[in-house]
Amino acid sequence: MTVQSDLKKALASAKSALGSFSTFSESTQDQTAKEMFEQMAQDMERHIELLNSRLTYIEENNPLYKK
């Protein structure tokens, strides 16, 4: 497995988690839980941005990954 494929898998997992947190936030009536899931979703969005940034860097700057 390459770093690029590992990053793509991590990105897919992070997007899945983001979707779950958003769904949990929308489906609960407990305000404390709602806020917790919203915060977790925001945190996951930042993680996704970082993973995307790293993946872009690898694809653009590492000759091993150029198509």
PDB file of N, CA and C in Angstrom:
ATOM      1  N   MET A   1       0.816  -1.175   0.000  1.00  0.00           N
ATOM      2  CA  MET A   1       0.000   0.000   0.000  1.00  0.00           C
ATOM      3  C   MET A   1       0.872   1.255   0.000  1.00  0.00           C
ATOM      4  N   THR A   2       0.439   2.251  -0.724  1.00  0.00           N
ATOM      5  CA  THR A   2       1.198   3.491  -0.789  1.00  0.00           C
ATOM      6  C   THR A   2       0.608   4.523   0.164  1.00  0.00           C
ATOM      7  N   VAL A   3       1.390   5.540   0.419  1.00  0.00           N
ATOM      8  CA  VAL A   3       0.914   6.635   1.262  1.00  0.00           C
ATOM      9  C   VAL A   3      -0.314   7.272   0.626  1.00  0.00           C
ATOM     10  N   GLN A   4      -0.288   7.410  -0.688  1.00  0.00           N
ATOM     11  CA  GLN A   4      -1.414   8.020  -1.390  1.00  0.00           C
ATOM     12  C   GLN A   4      -2.695   7.214  -1.175  1.00  0.00           C
ATOM     13  N   SER A   5      -2.636   5.916  -1.318  1.00  0.00           N
ATOM     14  CA  SER A   5      -3.844   5.107  -1.131  1.00  0.00           C
ATOM     15  C   SER A   5      -4.278   5.103   0.334  1.00  0.00           C
ATOM     16  N   ASP A   6      -3.308   5.131   1.254  1.00  0.00           N
ATOM     17  CA  ASP A   6      -3.653   5.217   2.678  1.00  0.00           C
ATOM     18  C   ASP A   6      -4.376   6.528   2.980  1.00  0.00           C
ATOM     19  N   LEU A   7      -3.887   7.615   2.398  1.00  0.00           N
ATOM     20  CA  LEU A   7      -4.535   8.913   2.608  1.00  0.00           C
ATOM     21  C   LEU A   7      -5.948   8.929   2.034  1.00  0.00           C
ATOM     22  N   LYS A   8      -6.116   8.316   0.875  1.00  0.00           N
ATOM     23  CA  LYS A   8      -7.450   8.265   0.270  1.00  0.00           C
ATOM     24  C   LYS A   8      -8.418   7.470   1.144  1.00  0.00           C
ATOM     25  N   LYS A   9      -7.934   6.383   1.726  1.00  0.00           N
ATOM     26  CA  LYS A   9      -8.785   5.589   2.625  1.00  0.00           C
ATOM     27  C   LYS A   9      -9.115   6.373   3.892  1.00  0.00           C
ATOM     28  N   ALA A  10      -8.123   7.060   4.437  1.00  0.00           N
ATOM     29  CA  ALA A  10      -8.348   7.872   5.637  1.00  0.00           C
ATOM     30  C   ALA A  10      -9.338   8.990   5.343  1.00  0.00           C
ATOM     31  N   LEU A  11      -9.234   9.573   4.169  1.00  0.00           N
ATOM     32  CA  LEU A  11     -10.151  10.636   3.759  1.00  0.00           C
ATOM     33  C   LEU A  11     -11.578  10.109   3.637  1.00  0.00           C
ATOM     34  N   ALA A  12     -11.733   8.947   3.053  1.00  0.00           N
ATOM     35  CA  ALA A  12     -13.064   8.342   2.929  1.00  0.00           C
ATOM     36  C   ALA A  12     -13.652   8.041   4.308  1.00  0.00           C
ATOM     37  N   SER A  13     -12.831   7.536   5.204  1.00  0.00           N
ATOM     38  CA  SER A  13     -13.299   7.249   6.568  1.00  0.00           C
ATOM     39  C   SER A  13     -13.691   8.528   7.296  1.00  0.00           C
ATOM     40  N   ALA A  14     -12.896   9.569   7.117  1.00  0.00           N
ATOM     41  CA  ALA A  14     -13.191  10.844   7.769  1.00  0.00           C
ATOM     42  C   ALA A  14     -14.500  11.434   7.244  1.00  0.00           C
ATOM     43  N   LYS A  15     -14.731  11.322   5.944  1.00  0.00           N
ATOM     44  CA  LYS A  15     -15.985  11.823   5.366  1.00  0.00           C
ATOM     45  C   LYS A  15     -17.176  11.018   5.879  1.00  0.00           C
ATOM     46  N   SER A  16     -16.985   9.731   6.045  1.00  0.00           N
ATOM     47  CA  SER A  16     -18.040   8.888   6.595  1.00  0.00           C
ATOM     48  C   SER A  16     -18.358   9.291   8.034  1.00  0.00           C
ATOM     49  N   ALA A  17     -17.314   9.517   8.818  1.00  0.00           N
ATOM     50  CA  ALA A  17     -17.511   9.941  10.209  1.00  0.00           C
ATOM     51  C   ALA A  17     -18.218  11.289  10.260  1.00  0.00           C
ATOM     52  N   LEU A  18     -17.838  12.199   9.374  1.00  0.00           N
ATOM     53  CA  LEU A  18     -18.497  13.507   9.310  1.00  0.00           C
ATOM     54  C   LEU A  18     -19.990  13.339   9.059  1.00  0.00           C
ATOM     55  N   GLY A  19     -20.336  12.482   8.132  1.00  0.00           N
ATOM     56  CA  GLY A  19     -21.743  12.222   7.843  1.00  0.00           C
ATOM     57  C   GLY A  19     -22.472  11.645   9.042  1.00  0.00           C
ATOM     58  N   SER A  20     -21.826  10.740   9.743  1.00  0.00           N
ATOM     59  CA  SER A  20     -22.437  10.145  10.937  1.00  0.00           C
ATOM     60  C   SER A  20     -22.656  11.196  12.019  1.00  0.00           C
ATOM     61  N   PHE A  21     -21.648  12.029  12.270  1.00  0.00           N
ATOM     62  CA  PHE A  21     -21.788  13.060  13.304  1.00  0.00           C
ATOM     63  C   PHE A  21     -22.912  14.029  12.953  1.00  0.00           C
ATOM     64  N   SER A  22     -23.007  14.398  11.683  1.00  0.00           N
ATOM     65  CA  SER A  22     -24.072  15.308  11.252  1.00  0.00           C
ATOM     66  C   SER A  22     -25.440  14.663  11.432  1.00  0.00           C
ATOM     67  N   THR A  23     -25.546  13.398  11.075  1.00  0.00           N
ATOM     68  CA  THR A  23     -26.810  12.672  11.244  1.00  0.00           C
ATOM     69  C   THR A  23     -27.186  12.572  12.715  1.00  0.00           C
ATOM     70  N   PHE A  24     -26.217  12.229  13.554  1.00  0.00           N
ATOM     71  CA  PHE A  24     -26.485  12.127  14.992  1.00  0.00           C
ATOM     72  C   PHE A  24     -26.956  13.471  15.542  1.00  0.00           C
ATOM     73  N   SER A  25     -26.306  14.543  15.109  1.00  0.00           N
ATOM     74  CA  SER A  25     -26.663  15.878  15.583  1.00  0.00           C
ATOM     75  C   SER A  25     -28.098  16.236  15.212  1.00  0.00           C
ATOM     76  N   GLU A  26     -28.483  15.890  14.003  1.00  0.00           N
ATOM     77  CA  GLU A  26     -29.835  16.211  13.533  1.00  0.00           C
ATOM     78  C   GLU A  26     -30.902  15.326  14.164  1.00  0.00           C
ATOM     79  N   SER A  27     -30.526  14.133  14.572  1.00  0.00           N
ATOM     80  CA  SER A  27     -31.538  13.185  15.037  1.00  0.00           C
ATOM     81  C   SER A  27     -31.765  13.203  16.550  1.00  0.00           C
ATOM     82  N   THR A  28     -30.912  13.912  17.284  1.00  0.00           N
ATOM     83  CA  THR A  28     -31.101  13.929  18.738  1.00  0.00           C
ATOM     84  C   THR A  28     -31.863  15.176  19.173  1.00  0.00           C
ATOM     85  N   GLN A  29     -32.582  15.028  20.258  1.00  0.00           N
ATOM     86  CA  GLN A  29     -33.276  16.178  20.828  1.00  0.00           C
ATOM     87  C   GLN A  29     -32.558  16.680  22.076  1.00  0.00           C
ATOM     88  N   ASP A  30     -31.541  15.952  22.497  1.00  0.00           N
ATOM     89  CA  ASP A  30     -30.727  16.351  23.645  1.00  0.00           C
ATOM     90  C   ASP A  30     -29.772  17.458  23.187  1.00  0.00           C
ATOM     91  N   GLN A  31     -29.961  18.661  23.707  1.00  0.00           N
ATOM     92  CA  GLN A  31     -29.177  19.812  23.251  1.00  0.00           C
ATOM     93  C   GLN A  31     -27.682  19.631  23.509  1.00  0.00           C
ATOM     94  N   THR A  32     -27.328  19.037  24.627  1.00  0.00           N
ATOM     95  CA  THR A  32     -25.913  18.806  24.935  1.00  0.00           C
ATOM     96  C   THR A  32     -25.291  17.845  23.923  1.00  0.00           C
ATOM     97  N   ALA A  33     -25.999  16.773  23.619  1.00  0.00           N
ATOM     98  CA  ALA A  33     -25.502  15.806  22.628  1.00  0.00           C
ATOM     99  C   ALA A  33     -25.432  16.453  21.250  1.00  0.00           C
ATOM    100  N   LYS A  34     -26.436  17.259  20.917  1.00  0.00           N
ATOM    101  CA  LYS A  34     -26.468  17.945  19.619  1.00  0.00           C
ATOM    102  C   LYS A  34     -25.222  18.822  19.460  1.00  0.00           C
ATOM    103  N   GLU A  35     -24.916  19.601  20.490  1.00  0.00           N
ATOM    104  CA  GLU A  35     -23.737  20.472  20.443  1.00  0.00           C
ATOM    105  C   GLU A  35     -22.448  19.660  20.352  1.00  0.00           C
ATOM    106  N   MET A  36     -22.387  18.551  21.065  1.00  0.00           N
ATOM    107  CA  MET A  36     -21.208  17.697  21.017  1.00  0.00           C
ATOM    108  C   MET A  36     -20.994  17.155  19.599  1.00  0.00           C
ATOM    109  N   PHE A  37     -22.058  16.643  18.981  1.00  0.00           N
ATOM    110  CA  PHE A  37     -21.929  16.098  17.629  1.00  0.00           C
ATOM    111  C   PHE A  37     -21.611  17.189  16.610  1.00  0.00           C
ATOM    112  N   GLU A  38     -22.171  18.389  16.797  1.00  0.00           N
ATOM    113  CA  GLU A  38     -21.847  19.497  15.899  1.00  0.00           C
ATOM    114  C   GLU A  38     -20.371  19.857  16.009  1.00  0.00           C
ATOM    115  N   GLN A  39     -19.850  19.874  17.230  1.00  0.00           N
ATOM    116  CA  GLN A  39     -18.429  20.169  17.434  1.00  0.00           C
ATOM    117  C   GLN A  39     -17.556  19.074  16.818  1.00  0.00           C
ATOM    118  N   MET A  40     -17.968  17.838  16.986  1.00  0.00           N
ATOM    119  CA  MET A  40     -17.214  16.728  16.398  1.00  0.00           C
ATOM    120  C   MET A  40     -17.216  16.832  14.872  1.00  0.00           C
ATOM    121  N   ALA A  41     -18.337  17.235  14.289  1.00  0.00           N
ATOM    122  CA  ALA A  41     -18.421  17.407  12.838  1.00  0.00           C
ATOM    123  C   ALA A  41     -17.488  18.528  12.380  1.00  0.00           C
ATOM    124  N   GLN A  42     -17.458  19.624  13.126  1.00  0.00           N
ATOM    125  CA  GLN A  42     -16.555  20.725  12.774  1.00  0.00           C
ATOM    126  C   GLN A  42     -15.097  20.284  12.858  1.00  0.00           C
ATOM    127  N   ASP A  43     -14.773  19.540  13.901  1.00  0.00           N
ATOM    128  CA  ASP A  43     -13.409  19.016  14.032  1.00  0.00           C
ATOM    129  C   ASP A  43     -13.067  18.105  12.853  1.00  0.00           C
ATOM    130  N   MET A  44     -14.000  17.262  12.464  1.00  0.00           N
ATOM    131  CA  MET A  44     -13.760  16.335  11.361  1.00  0.00           C
ATOM    132  C   MET A  44     -13.574  17.095  10.046  1.00  0.00           C
ATOM    133  N   GLU A  45     -14.307  18.199   9.872  1.00  0.00           N
ATOM    134  CA  GLU A  45     -14.122  19.015   8.665  1.00  0.00           C
ATOM    135  C   GLU A  45     -12.686  19.533   8.586  1.00  0.00           C
ATOM    136  N   ARG A  46     -12.132  19.942   9.721  1.00  0.00           N
ATOM    137  CA  ARG A  46     -10.738  20.403   9.739  1.00  0.00           C
ATOM    138  C   ARG A  46      -9.781  19.257   9.409  1.00  0.00           C
ATOM    139  N   HIS A  47     -10.055  18.081   9.933  1.00  0.00           N
ATOM    140  CA  HIS A  47      -9.214  16.918   9.618  1.00  0.00           C
ATOM    141  C   HIS A  47      -9.275  16.599   8.123  1.00  0.00           C
ATOM    142  N   ILE A  48     -10.463  16.687   7.550  1.00  0.00           N
ATOM    143  CA  ILE A  48     -10.635  16.419   6.120  1.00  0.00           C
ATOM    144  C   ILE A  48      -9.833  17.424   5.297  1.00  0.00           C
ATOM    145  N   GLU A  49      -9.871  18.692   5.694  1.00  0.00           N
ATOM    146  CA  GLU A  49      -9.092  19.713   4.990  1.00  0.00           C
ATOM    147  C   GLU A  49      -7.597  19.391   5.041  1.00  0.00           C
ATOM    148  N   LEU A  50      -7.120  18.973   6.205  1.00  0.00           N
ATOM    149  CA  LEU A  50      -5.701  18.629   6.343  1.00  0.00           C
ATOM    150  C   LEU A  50      -5.329  17.411   5.497  1.00  0.00           C
ATOM    151  N   LEU A  51      -6.181  16.405   5.508  1.00  0.00           N
ATOM    152  CA  LEU A  51      -5.921  15.214   4.690  1.00  0.00           C
ATOM    153  C   LEU A  51      -5.925  15.561   3.205  1.00  0.00           C
ATOM    154  N   ASN A  52      -6.881  16.382   2.785  1.00  0.00           N
ATOM    155  CA  ASN A  52      -6.936  16.816   1.385  1.00  0.00           C
ATOM    156  C   ASN A  52      -5.687  17.597   1.005  1.00  0.00           C
ATOM    157  N   SER A  53      -5.259  18.462   1.897  1.00  0.00           N
ATOM    158  CA  SER A  53      -4.064  19.259   1.647  1.00  0.00           C
ATOM    159  C   SER A  53      -2.838  18.370   1.476  1.00  0.00           C
ATOM    160  N   ARG A  54      -2.703  17.402   2.343  1.00  0.00           N
ATOM    161  CA  ARG A  54      -1.553  16.493   2.262  1.00  0.00           C
ATOM    162  C   ARG A  54      -1.605  15.646   0.991  1.00  0.00           C
ATOM    163  N   LEU A  55      -2.786  15.160   0.655  1.00  0.00           N
ATOM    164  CA  LEU A  55      -2.944  14.358  -0.553  1.00  0.00           C
ATOM    165  C   LEU A  55      -2.597  15.179  -1.795  1.00  0.00           C
ATOM    166  N   THR A  56      -3.060  16.408  -1.841  1.00  0.00           N
ATOM    167  CA  THR A  56      -2.748  17.292  -2.968  1.00  0.00           C
ATOM    168  C   THR A  56      -1.246  17.521  -3.064  1.00  0.00           C
ATOM    169  N   TYR A  57      -0.618  17.766  -1.928  1.00  0.00           N
ATOM    170  CA  TYR A  57       0.829  17.979  -1.912  1.00  0.00           C
ATOM    171  C   TYR A  57       1.567  16.766  -2.478  1.00  0.00           C
ATOM    172  N   ILE A  58       1.182  15.599  -2.027  1.00  0.00           N
ATOM    173  CA  ILE A  58       1.838  14.372  -2.496  1.00  0.00           C
ATOM    174  C   ILE A  58       1.631  14.193  -3.999  1.00  0.00           C
ATOM    175  N   GLU A  59       0.412  14.399  -4.451  1.00  0.00           N
ATOM    176  CA  GLU A  59       0.115  14.200  -5.874  1.00  0.00           C
ATOM    177  C   GLU A  59       0.853  15.201  -6.752  1.00  0.00           C
ATOM    178  N   GLU A  60       1.076  16.406  -6.243  1.00  0.00           N
ATOM    179  CA  GLU A  60       1.718  17.442  -7.050  1.00  0.00           C
ATOM    180  C   GLU A  60       3.240  17.430  -6.964  1.00  0.00           C
ATOM    181  N   ASN A  61       3.795  16.949  -5.859  1.00  0.00           N
ATOM    182  CA  ASN A  61       5.227  17.116  -5.634  1.00  0.00           C
ATOM    183  C   ASN A  61       6.052  15.845  -5.578  1.00  0.00           C
ATOM    184  N   ASN A  62       5.432  14.710  -5.527  1.00  0.00           N
ATOM    185  CA  ASN A  62       6.192  13.471  -5.452  1.00  0.00           C
ATOM    186  C   ASN A  62       6.133  12.768  -6.803  1.00  0.00           C
ATOM    187  N   PRO A  63       7.270  12.653  -7.479  1.00  0.00           N
ATOM    188  CA  PRO A  63       7.269  12.044  -8.812  1.00  0.00           C
ATOM    189  C   PRO A  63       6.781  10.598  -8.829  1.00  0.00           C
ATOM    190  N   LEU A  64       6.856   9.910  -7.707  1.00  0.00           N
ATOM    191  CA  LEU A  64       6.377   8.527  -7.663  1.00  0.00           C
ATOM    192  C   LEU A  64       4.867   8.443  -7.851  1.00  0.00           C
ATOM    193  N   TYR A  65       4.165   9.515  -7.508  1.00  0.00           N
ATOM    194  CA  TYR A  65       2.708   9.489  -7.560  1.00  0.00           C
ATOM    195  C   TYR A  65       2.134  10.184  -8.784  1.00  0.00           C
ATOM    196  N   LYS A  66       2.998  10.746  -9.612  1.00  0.00           N
ATOM    197  CA  LYS A  66       2.497  11.416 -10.814  1.00  0.00           C
ATOM    198  C   LYS A  66       2.063  10.384 -11.832  1.00  0.00           C
ATOM    199  N   LYS A  67       0.957  10.683 -12.475  1.00  0.00           N
ATOM    200  CA  LYS A  67       0.395   9.739 -13.453  1.00  0.00           C
ATOM    201  C   LYS A  67       1.024   9.928 -14.807  1.00  0.00           C
TER     202      LYS A  67
END
